[in-house]
Amino acid sequence: SLDLFLFFPPPFRLRRGSLHTSSSSDLKALPQMASSGSGKLNLASLVEANDVQGKVCLVRVDFNVPLDKQDATRITDDTRVRKALPTIEALLEKGAKVVLMSHLGRPKGQRKPDMVMAPVAARLRELLPNTTVIDVDDCIGDAVAEAVAGMAAGSICLLQNLRFYAAEEKNEAEFAGQLAAIADFYVNDAFGTAHRAHASTVGVPSVLGPDKSVVGKLMEKELAFLRLDQAERPLAAIIGGAKVSSKLPVITSLVQKVDILVLGGGLAFTFLKAKGLNVGSSLVEEDMLETASSILSKAEELGVELLLPADVVAASEFKADAEHEVVTFEGGGIREGWMGLDAGPVSVESIQAALRKAKTIIWNGPLGVFEFENFARGTLSIATTLAELTAEGAVSIVGGGDSVAAVEQMGVADQMSHVSTGGGATLELLGGTELPGVAAIGDL
């Protein structure tokens, strides 16, 4: 029997405690689960083995920041820039010449005036007012070589958008060689692009060699948290989002690793239908029903506590102001023509009760259409719950754009143990895939 998948616990309330905060650029101490760090050659090993004073450290960062649609010189969210500061500042303190390279947008091998790196250079100058920051209008060639040769120790040079060259995404050896030509050492701190085998993520370290290539502080933190190898148990995962197919590798991998697995959002309805329940016109991937059934069976076989919604907020149509009601699956499910757009109150309390048992919690994907206020309560409740449980000692890991948006919307992002900067990279790592940008760096 899979009755544990739909259960109705007594009303549950979390204790409220004082929530800790941290500055956005502060890298919190790695938890016990990450005591061995990333397992990769890192910044500490680099500066321990080498004197980087006056040496050129070429750092791949992820400065793919959102720009104002009306004013492409204005950054609307500088989180990615601030997240890179610990690595940059650590190198500056050692007197390195820090050369930063990144992509911005999708120029597809063409120079696009609205995708230049100048706004990022301006923001870096604001964030690091006591550091000289120059920017060059290219990422390879004589202009770059001259600019780098003229750098003072403890200063920064930001190169132009890597993807103005198609050779970047093709990982062409000649382009990688030109990037590497200016460098004494290479640091990859761009977790968001670690799942791409590009010239700046794979080509450059292969040119410079394993003794001169390391991961930065942000990359190290991402790997330490997301690999889950040493996660303190019980380990819980909440996986939401629209489709089973897009999250299948993650769910398949996690069901073999976790103690508690919560499935929510649109993807839950494929599992609910696989159990023979009435889901109305909710999003269902018919070709994934058999796969969903096998995952349910696997969870039961492994003794995983798997939670699906016991009730949902159903709506007459997919609109922000649609007529809606709370329905239970025990009471017959969703009526024909209606669709589930959020987790119901009983489901939320069930999830809260399960999460309270966990020492480590990872969350990827919303529990409902939280862009619509009427269907946001489930997702936002989980964001608040995670903040409270973190304050009580749990390790919380948030990965995925919509999950990150939810904790930011609730103002609790800084209260999580870790908020991942990756999208596809986060999903691939959780799904058990080795990331090319990580594999290119040697092991400790």
Protein backbone atom coordinates (compact mmCIF):
# COMPACT_ATOMS: atom_id res chain seq x y z
CA SER A 1 0.00 0.00 0.00
CA LEU A 2 1.11 3.56 -0.73
CA ASP A 3 -1.26 5.21 1.75
CA LEU A 4 1.66 7.13 3.27
CA PHE A 5 1.74 9.26 0.14
CA LEU A 6 -1.50 11.00 1.07
CA PHE A 7 -1.83 11.63 4.77
CA PHE A 8 -3.66 14.04 7.00
CA PRO A 9 -1.73 14.90 10.17
CA PRO A 10 -3.22 16.95 13.02
CA PRO A 11 -2.81 20.72 12.74
CA PHE A 12 0.85 21.63 12.98
CA ARG A 13 2.54 24.88 13.90
CA LEU A 14 6.21 25.75 13.88
CA ARG A 15 7.92 27.41 16.81
CA ARG A 16 9.00 30.88 15.92
CA GLY A 17 12.54 31.87 16.67
CA SER A 18 14.83 34.74 15.90
CA LEU A 19 16.05 34.44 12.33
CA HIS A 20 19.71 35.01 11.56
CA THR A 21 20.73 37.23 8.71
CA SER A 22 23.92 37.77 6.79
CA SER A 23 25.28 40.15 4.25
CA SER A 24 24.74 39.16 0.64
CA SER A 25 28.42 38.78 -0.11
CA ASP A 26 29.18 36.80 3.04
CA LEU A 27 29.96 33.16 2.38
CA LYS A 28 28.59 31.33 5.39
CA ALA A 29 30.68 28.57 6.90
CA LEU A 30 30.17 25.28 5.14
CA PRO A 31 27.95 22.95 7.17
CA GLN A 32 29.03 19.67 8.69
CA MET A 33 27.75 17.93 5.57
CA ALA A 34 30.35 19.82 3.56
CA SER A 35 33.30 19.47 5.91
CA SER A 36 35.48 18.09 3.13
CA GLY A 37 34.48 20.98 0.85
CA SER A 38 34.20 20.43 -2.88
CA GLY A 39 36.95 17.83 -3.14
CA LYS A 40 38.46 19.99 -5.88
CA LEU A 41 41.66 22.04 -5.96
CA ASN A 42 40.52 25.37 -4.55
CA LEU A 43 41.58 28.93 -3.81
CA ALA A 44 43.13 27.92 -0.49
CA SER A 45 45.28 25.26 -2.16
CA LEU A 46 46.31 27.75 -4.85
CA VAL A 47 47.54 30.49 -2.51
CA GLU A 48 49.14 27.91 -0.20
CA ALA A 49 51.23 26.42 -3.00
CA ASN A 50 51.94 29.63 -4.93
CA ASP A 51 52.85 33.26 -4.37
CA VAL A 52 50.21 35.03 -6.47
CA GLN A 53 51.57 38.52 -5.73
CA GLY A 54 51.71 40.32 -9.08
CA LYS A 55 50.55 37.18 -10.92
CA VAL A 56 47.63 37.16 -13.34
CA CYS A 57 44.70 35.15 -12.02
CA LEU A 58 42.13 34.65 -14.78
CA VAL A 59 38.76 34.15 -13.08
CA ARG A 60 35.69 32.81 -14.88
CA VAL A 61 32.76 34.48 -13.11
CA ASP A 62 29.05 34.45 -13.84
CA PHE A 63 28.16 38.08 -14.43
CA ASN A 64 25.17 37.24 -16.62
CA VAL A 65 23.10 39.85 -14.80
CA PRO A 66 19.63 41.08 -15.78
CA LEU A 67 19.62 44.52 -17.38
CA ASP A 68 16.79 47.05 -17.54
CA LYS A 69 14.84 46.53 -20.79
CA GLN A 70 14.53 50.29 -21.26
CA ASP A 71 18.08 51.14 -20.17
CA ALA A 72 20.70 48.46 -20.91
CA THR A 73 23.27 50.34 -18.81
CA ARG A 74 21.32 49.62 -15.61
CA ILE A 75 21.63 46.31 -13.74
CA THR A 76 18.31 45.34 -12.10
CA ASP A 77 19.78 42.63 -9.83
CA ASP A 78 23.48 42.52 -8.94
CA THR A 79 23.34 39.29 -6.88
CA ARG A 80 25.71 37.45 -9.20
CA VAL A 81 28.28 40.23 -8.97
CA ARG A 82 28.11 40.29 -5.17
CA LYS A 83 28.33 36.50 -4.94
CA ALA A 84 31.68 36.62 -6.75
CA LEU A 85 33.22 39.16 -4.34
CA PRO A 86 34.67 36.70 -1.79
CA THR A 87 36.88 35.07 -4.46
CA ILE A 88 37.83 38.41 -6.02
CA GLU A 89 38.66 39.98 -2.65
CA ALA A 90 40.69 36.96 -1.53
CA LEU A 91 42.89 37.27 -4.61
CA LEU A 92 43.17 41.06 -4.29
CA GLU A 93 44.35 40.66 -0.69
CA LYS A 94 47.17 38.46 -1.93
CA GLY A 95 48.22 41.10 -4.45
CA ALA A 96 47.11 39.25 -7.56
CA LYS A 97 46.20 40.89 -10.85
CA VAL A 98 42.60 39.76 -11.10
CA VAL A 99 41.30 39.39 -14.66
CA LEU A 100 37.58 38.63 -14.80
CA MET A 101 35.80 37.03 -17.75
CA SER A 102 32.10 36.30 -18.22
CA HIS A 103 29.29 36.12 -20.72
CA LEU A 104 26.20 38.33 -20.61
CA GLY A 105 23.00 37.44 -22.44
CA ARG A 106 22.89 35.42 -25.64
CA PRO A 107 24.68 37.40 -28.36
CA LYS A 108 25.32 34.17 -30.34
CA GLY A 109 28.75 35.11 -31.60
CA GLN A 110 27.87 38.67 -32.56
CA ARG A 111 28.74 41.93 -30.88
CA LYS A 112 25.57 43.38 -29.32
CA PRO A 113 25.75 46.93 -27.86
CA ASP A 114 23.10 46.07 -25.25
CA MET A 115 25.16 43.11 -23.96
CA VAL A 116 28.51 44.76 -23.26
CA MET A 117 30.15 44.35 -19.84
CA ALA A 118 30.44 48.10 -19.09
CA PRO A 119 27.48 48.15 -16.62
CA VAL A 120 29.15 45.35 -14.65
CA ALA A 121 32.46 47.24 -14.56
CA ALA A 122 30.61 50.27 -13.22
CA ARG A 123 28.96 48.16 -10.51
CA LEU A 124 32.29 46.61 -9.51
CA ARG A 125 33.74 50.10 -9.03
CA GLU A 126 30.84 50.91 -6.69
CA LEU A 127 31.23 47.68 -4.73
CA LEU A 128 35.04 47.95 -4.53
CA PRO A 129 35.66 51.72 -4.27
CA ASN A 130 39.28 51.29 -3.12
CA THR A 131 40.25 49.01 -6.00
CA THR A 132 41.24 50.02 -9.52
CA VAL A 133 38.84 48.40 -11.99
CA ILE A 134 39.54 48.71 -15.72
CA ASP A 135 37.51 47.18 -18.51
CA VAL A 136 38.75 46.21 -21.97
CA ASP A 137 36.64 46.21 -25.12
CA ASP A 138 37.71 42.69 -26.08
CA CYS A 139 38.48 39.39 -24.37
CA ILE A 140 41.45 38.27 -26.51
CA GLY A 141 44.18 39.91 -28.55
CA ASP A 142 46.70 42.73 -28.25
CA ALA A 143 44.40 45.19 -26.45
CA VAL A 144 43.87 42.66 -23.67
CA ALA A 145 47.56 41.75 -23.45
CA GLU A 146 48.55 45.43 -23.20
CA ALA A 147 45.91 46.20 -20.56
CA VAL A 148 46.93 43.22 -18.42
CA ALA A 149 50.64 44.03 -18.74
CA GLY A 150 49.92 47.51 -17.39
CA MET A 151 47.88 46.33 -14.40
CA ALA A 152 49.07 47.07 -10.89
CA ALA A 153 49.13 44.27 -8.32
CA GLY A 154 45.84 44.15 -6.45
CA SER A 155 43.75 45.57 -9.28
CA ILE A 156 40.98 44.25 -11.55
CA CYS A 157 40.54 44.02 -15.30
CA LEU A 158 37.13 43.00 -16.67
CA LEU A 159 37.18 41.51 -20.17
CA GLN A 160 34.48 42.01 -22.78
CA ASN A 161 31.59 39.56 -23.24
CA LEU A 162 33.03 36.12 -24.04
CA ARG A 163 30.06 35.15 -26.19
CA PHE A 164 30.70 37.92 -28.68
CA TYR A 165 32.87 35.13 -30.10
CA ALA A 166 31.09 31.98 -31.31
CA ALA A 167 34.31 30.11 -30.47
CA GLU A 168 33.50 30.43 -26.75
CA GLU A 169 30.46 28.15 -26.83
CA LYS A 170 32.13 25.84 -29.36
CA ASN A 171 35.13 25.42 -27.01
CA GLU A 172 37.55 26.04 -29.87
CA ALA A 173 41.12 25.29 -28.86
CA GLU A 174 42.59 28.39 -30.50
CA PHE A 175 40.19 30.69 -28.63
CA ALA A 176 40.88 28.91 -25.33
CA GLY A 177 44.59 29.32 -25.97
CA GLN A 178 44.17 33.05 -26.58
CA LEU A 179 42.23 33.45 -23.33
CA ALA A 180 44.82 31.45 -21.39
CA ALA A 181 47.79 33.31 -22.94
CA ILE A 182 47.60 36.17 -20.41
CA ALA A 183 47.17 33.97 -17.33
CA ASP A 184 49.45 32.51 -14.70
CA PHE A 185 46.55 30.82 -12.90
CA TYR A 186 42.90 30.01 -13.60
CA VAL A 187 39.97 30.14 -11.17
CA ASN A 188 36.47 28.93 -12.09
CA ASP A 189 33.88 30.60 -9.86
CA ALA A 190 31.00 30.45 -12.35
CA PHE A 191 28.82 27.60 -11.10
CA GLY A 192 25.94 28.81 -13.29
CA THR A 193 27.90 27.81 -16.42
CA ALA A 194 29.69 24.75 -15.01
CA HIS A 195 27.36 22.44 -16.96
CA ARG A 196 28.64 23.91 -20.24
CA ALA A 197 31.79 22.64 -21.95
CA HIS A 198 32.89 26.05 -23.21
CA ALA A 199 36.32 27.51 -23.89
CA SER A 200 36.29 29.56 -20.68
CA THR A 201 35.13 26.67 -18.49
CA VAL A 202 36.88 23.64 -20.00
CA GLY A 203 39.34 24.89 -22.62
CA VAL A 204 41.37 27.28 -20.47
CA PRO A 205 42.10 24.85 -17.61
CA SER A 206 43.14 22.22 -20.13
CA VAL A 207 45.66 24.70 -21.57
CA LEU A 208 47.06 25.88 -18.24
CA GLY A 209 47.08 22.43 -16.65
CA PRO A 210 45.76 20.96 -13.39
CA ASP A 211 48.45 22.49 -11.19
CA LYS A 212 47.36 26.00 -12.16
CA SER A 213 43.57 25.61 -12.21
CA VAL A 214 41.22 25.72 -9.21
CA VAL A 215 37.61 26.38 -8.19
CA GLY A 216 36.70 29.65 -6.49
CA LYS A 217 34.92 30.14 -3.17
CA LEU A 218 31.41 30.29 -4.62
CA MET A 219 31.93 27.21 -6.79
CA GLU A 220 33.38 25.35 -3.82
CA LYS A 221 30.36 26.23 -1.70
CA GLU A 222 27.91 25.18 -4.39
CA LEU A 223 29.58 21.79 -4.80
CA ALA A 224 29.86 21.22 -1.07
CA PHE A 225 26.14 21.81 -0.52
CA LEU A 226 24.65 20.28 -3.66
CA ARG A 227 26.54 17.01 -3.82
CA LEU A 228 24.67 15.86 -0.70
CA ASP A 229 27.25 13.08 -0.12
CA GLN A 230 27.73 14.01 3.50
CA ALA A 231 24.35 15.59 4.21
CA GLU A 232 23.25 15.30 7.81
CA ARG A 233 20.18 13.07 8.02
CA PRO A 234 17.27 12.84 7.86
CA LEU A 235 17.58 14.38 4.39
CA ALA A 236 14.46 15.86 2.79
CA ALA A 237 13.91 17.15 -0.75
CA ILE A 238 11.03 19.23 -2.08
CA ILE A 239 10.73 19.06 -5.86
CA GLY A 240 8.14 21.21 -7.59
CA GLY A 241 7.69 22.83 -10.96
CA ALA A 242 5.57 22.16 -13.99
CA LYS A 243 6.75 18.95 -15.63
CA VAL A 244 7.98 15.53 -14.53
CA SER A 245 10.05 15.25 -17.72
CA SER A 246 12.16 18.31 -16.90
CA LYS A 247 12.84 17.11 -13.34
CA LEU A 248 13.02 13.35 -14.03
CA PRO A 249 16.81 12.96 -13.58
CA VAL A 250 16.62 14.91 -10.31
CA ILE A 251 13.68 12.93 -8.92
CA THR A 252 15.20 9.60 -10.01
CA SER A 253 18.49 10.49 -8.35
CA LEU A 254 17.00 11.94 -5.16
CA VAL A 255 14.59 9.08 -4.48
CA GLN A 256 17.69 6.93 -3.96
CA LYS A 257 19.39 9.48 -1.65
CA VAL A 258 16.76 11.10 0.54
CA ASP A 259 14.68 10.01 3.52
CA ILE A 260 11.74 12.30 2.73
CA LEU A 261 10.65 13.34 -0.78
CA VAL A 262 7.93 15.95 -1.35
CA LEU A 263 6.55 16.25 -4.88
CA GLY A 264 4.47 19.34 -5.64
CA GLY A 265 3.56 21.85 -8.29
CA GLY A 266 2.30 20.81 -11.69
CA LEU A 267 4.44 17.69 -11.82
CA ALA A 268 2.57 16.18 -8.85
CA PHE A 269 -0.57 15.65 -10.94
CA THR A 270 1.11 13.09 -13.16
CA PHE A 271 1.92 11.09 -10.01
CA LEU A 272 -1.59 11.59 -8.62
CA LYS A 273 -3.15 10.37 -11.85
CA ALA A 274 -0.78 7.40 -11.85
CA LYS A 275 -2.35 6.51 -8.48
CA GLY A 276 -5.81 6.59 -10.08
CA LEU A 277 -6.95 9.88 -8.52
CA ASN A 278 -9.16 12.49 -10.18
CA VAL A 279 -7.01 15.46 -11.29
CA GLY A 280 -9.53 17.17 -13.60
CA SER A 281 -7.82 19.25 -16.30
CA SER A 282 -4.59 19.64 -14.31
CA LEU A 283 -1.27 19.42 -16.08
CA VAL A 284 -0.53 15.73 -16.74
CA GLU A 285 2.16 14.17 -18.92
CA GLU A 286 0.42 11.03 -20.14
CA ASP A 287 3.66 9.57 -21.49
CA MET A 288 5.20 9.83 -18.01
CA LEU A 289 2.50 7.93 -16.08
CA GLU A 290 4.38 4.63 -16.17
CA THR A 291 7.60 6.38 -15.09
CA ALA A 292 5.74 8.06 -12.24
CA SER A 293 4.37 4.70 -11.07
CA SER A 294 7.87 3.19 -11.08
CA ILE A 295 9.20 6.09 -8.99
CA LEU A 296 6.37 5.58 -6.47
CA SER A 297 7.24 1.88 -6.29
CA LYS A 298 10.94 2.66 -5.88
CA ALA A 299 10.22 5.02 -3.01
CA GLU A 300 8.15 2.35 -1.24
CA GLU A 301 10.84 -0.26 -1.85
CA LEU A 302 13.54 2.02 -0.35
CA GLY A 303 11.39 3.11 2.58
CA VAL A 304 11.36 6.74 1.47
CA GLU A 305 8.58 8.86 2.95
CA LEU A 306 7.08 10.35 -0.21
CA LEU A 307 4.45 13.07 0.02
CA LEU A 308 2.01 14.07 -2.70
CA PRO A 309 -0.71 16.70 -2.21
CA ALA A 310 -3.65 15.52 -0.10
CA ASP A 311 -5.56 18.63 -1.10
CA VAL A 312 -5.06 21.40 -3.66
CA VAL A 313 -6.42 24.81 -4.58
CA ALA A 314 -8.29 24.08 -7.81
CA ALA A 315 -9.29 26.75 -10.31
CA SER A 316 -11.81 26.96 -13.14
CA GLU A 317 -9.13 28.25 -15.51
CA PHE A 318 -5.48 29.30 -15.63
CA LYS A 319 -5.95 32.93 -14.66
CA ALA A 320 -4.91 35.07 -11.70
CA ASP A 321 -8.52 35.89 -10.81
CA ALA A 322 -10.06 32.53 -11.69
CA GLU A 323 -12.82 31.07 -9.53
CA HIS A 324 -11.14 28.64 -7.10
CA GLU A 325 -11.77 26.22 -4.25
CA VAL A 326 -9.90 23.83 -1.99
CA VAL A 327 -10.55 20.18 -2.83
CA THR A 328 -9.28 16.96 -1.24
CA PHE A 329 -8.44 13.78 -3.10
CA GLU A 330 -10.03 11.79 -0.28
CA GLY A 331 -13.22 13.69 -1.08
CA GLY A 332 -13.21 12.85 -4.78
CA GLY A 333 -10.48 15.06 -6.21
CA ILE A 334 -10.72 17.82 -8.81
CA ARG A 335 -13.88 18.18 -10.83
CA GLU A 336 -13.78 17.89 -14.60
CA GLY A 337 -12.61 21.04 -16.38
CA TRP A 338 -10.90 22.46 -13.28
CA MET A 339 -7.19 22.37 -12.56
CA GLY A 340 -4.95 22.31 -9.50
CA LEU A 341 -2.86 25.47 -9.19
CA ASP A 342 -1.53 25.33 -5.61
CA ALA A 343 -1.01 23.03 -2.65
CA GLY A 344 -3.91 23.07 -0.21
CA PRO A 345 -3.69 23.91 3.52
CA VAL A 346 -3.64 20.27 4.67
CA SER A 347 -0.84 19.48 2.22
CA VAL A 348 1.19 22.45 3.43
CA GLU A 349 0.82 21.33 7.05
CA SER A 350 1.79 17.77 6.07
CA ILE A 351 4.93 19.08 4.38
CA GLN A 352 5.79 21.27 7.37
CA ALA A 353 5.43 18.29 9.72
CA ALA A 354 7.67 16.13 7.53
CA LEU A 355 10.31 18.85 7.14
CA ARG A 356 10.48 19.35 10.88
CA LYS A 357 11.99 15.85 11.13
CA ALA A 358 14.79 16.68 8.69
CA LYS A 359 18.30 17.93 9.43
CA THR A 360 18.99 18.84 5.78
CA ILE A 361 16.38 20.16 3.33
CA ILE A 362 16.81 20.90 -0.36
CA TRP A 363 14.13 22.73 -2.34
CA ASN A 364 13.83 23.03 -6.11
CA GLY A 365 10.67 24.27 -7.77
CA PRO A 366 7.43 25.96 -6.58
CA LEU A 367 4.37 24.16 -5.20
CA GLY A 368 1.96 26.23 -7.27
CA VAL A 369 1.55 29.08 -9.72
CA PHE A 370 2.98 31.55 -7.24
CA GLU A 371 3.06 34.39 -9.77
CA PHE A 372 -0.71 34.54 -9.11
CA GLU A 373 -1.48 35.78 -5.59
CA ASN A 374 -4.43 33.41 -5.16
CA PHE A 375 -2.17 30.42 -5.82
CA ALA A 376 1.03 31.49 -4.06
CA ARG A 377 0.29 30.47 -0.48
CA GLY A 378 1.78 26.97 -0.69
CA THR A 379 5.08 28.09 -2.16
CA LEU A 380 5.48 31.12 0.09
CA SER A 381 4.57 29.09 3.19
CA ILE A 382 7.39 26.67 2.43
CA ALA A 383 9.82 29.59 2.02
CA THR A 384 8.88 30.88 5.48
CA THR A 385 9.02 27.39 6.98
CA LEU A 386 12.52 26.79 5.67
CA ALA A 387 13.69 30.06 7.20
CA GLU A 388 12.26 29.06 10.57
CA LEU A 389 13.74 25.55 10.46
CA THR A 390 17.13 26.97 9.45
CA ALA A 391 17.03 29.23 12.50
CA GLU A 392 16.41 26.11 14.58
CA GLY A 393 19.50 24.39 13.18
CA ALA A 394 18.49 22.67 9.94
CA VAL A 395 20.59 23.06 6.79
CA SER A 396 18.47 24.56 3.99
CA ILE A 397 19.48 24.54 0.33
CA VAL A 398 17.43 26.42 -2.26
CA GLY A 399 18.09 25.81 -5.94
CA GLY A 400 16.19 26.79 -9.05
CA GLY A 401 15.02 30.16 -10.31
CA ASP A 402 11.43 30.03 -9.05
CA SER A 403 12.40 28.72 -5.61
CA VAL A 404 14.98 31.48 -5.31
CA ALA A 405 12.37 34.03 -6.40
CA ALA A 406 10.04 32.73 -3.68
CA VAL A 407 12.54 33.10 -0.82
CA GLU A 408 13.48 36.53 -2.13
CA GLN A 409 9.81 37.56 -2.38
CA MET A 410 9.34 36.57 1.27
CA GLY A 411 12.54 38.39 2.27
CA VAL A 412 14.14 35.25 3.70
CA ALA A 413 16.83 34.47 1.11
CA ASP A 414 19.60 35.51 3.51
CA GLN A 415 18.17 33.20 6.15
CA MET A 416 18.78 30.06 4.08
CA SER A 417 21.97 28.06 4.56
CA HIS A 418 22.60 28.22 0.81
CA VAL A 419 20.80 29.71 -2.19
CA SER A 420 22.24 28.24 -5.37
CA THR A 421 23.26 30.53 -8.21
CA GLY A 422 22.77 27.79 -10.78
CA GLY A 423 19.79 26.88 -12.91
CA GLY A 424 20.63 24.05 -15.28
CA ALA A 425 23.88 23.40 -13.39
CA THR A 426 21.98 22.88 -10.14
CA LEU A 427 19.54 20.43 -11.73
CA GLU A 428 22.28 18.47 -13.47
CA LEU A 429 24.39 18.17 -10.33
CA LEU A 430 21.40 17.06 -8.24
CA GLY A 431 20.57 14.62 -11.03
CA GLY A 432 23.97 12.98 -10.64
CA THR A 433 25.57 14.38 -13.79
CA GLU A 434 29.24 15.32 -13.70
CA LEU A 435 29.58 18.96 -14.74
CA PRO A 436 32.22 19.62 -17.43
CA GLY A 437 33.43 22.82 -15.75
CA VAL A 438 33.96 20.89 -12.51
CA ALA A 439 35.53 17.84 -14.13
CA ALA A 440 38.10 20.15 -15.76
CA ILE A 441 39.54 21.00 -12.33
CA GLY A 442 41.83 18.54 -10.56
CA ASP A 443 40.91 16.77 -7.31
CA LEU A 444 42.49 17.64 -3.97
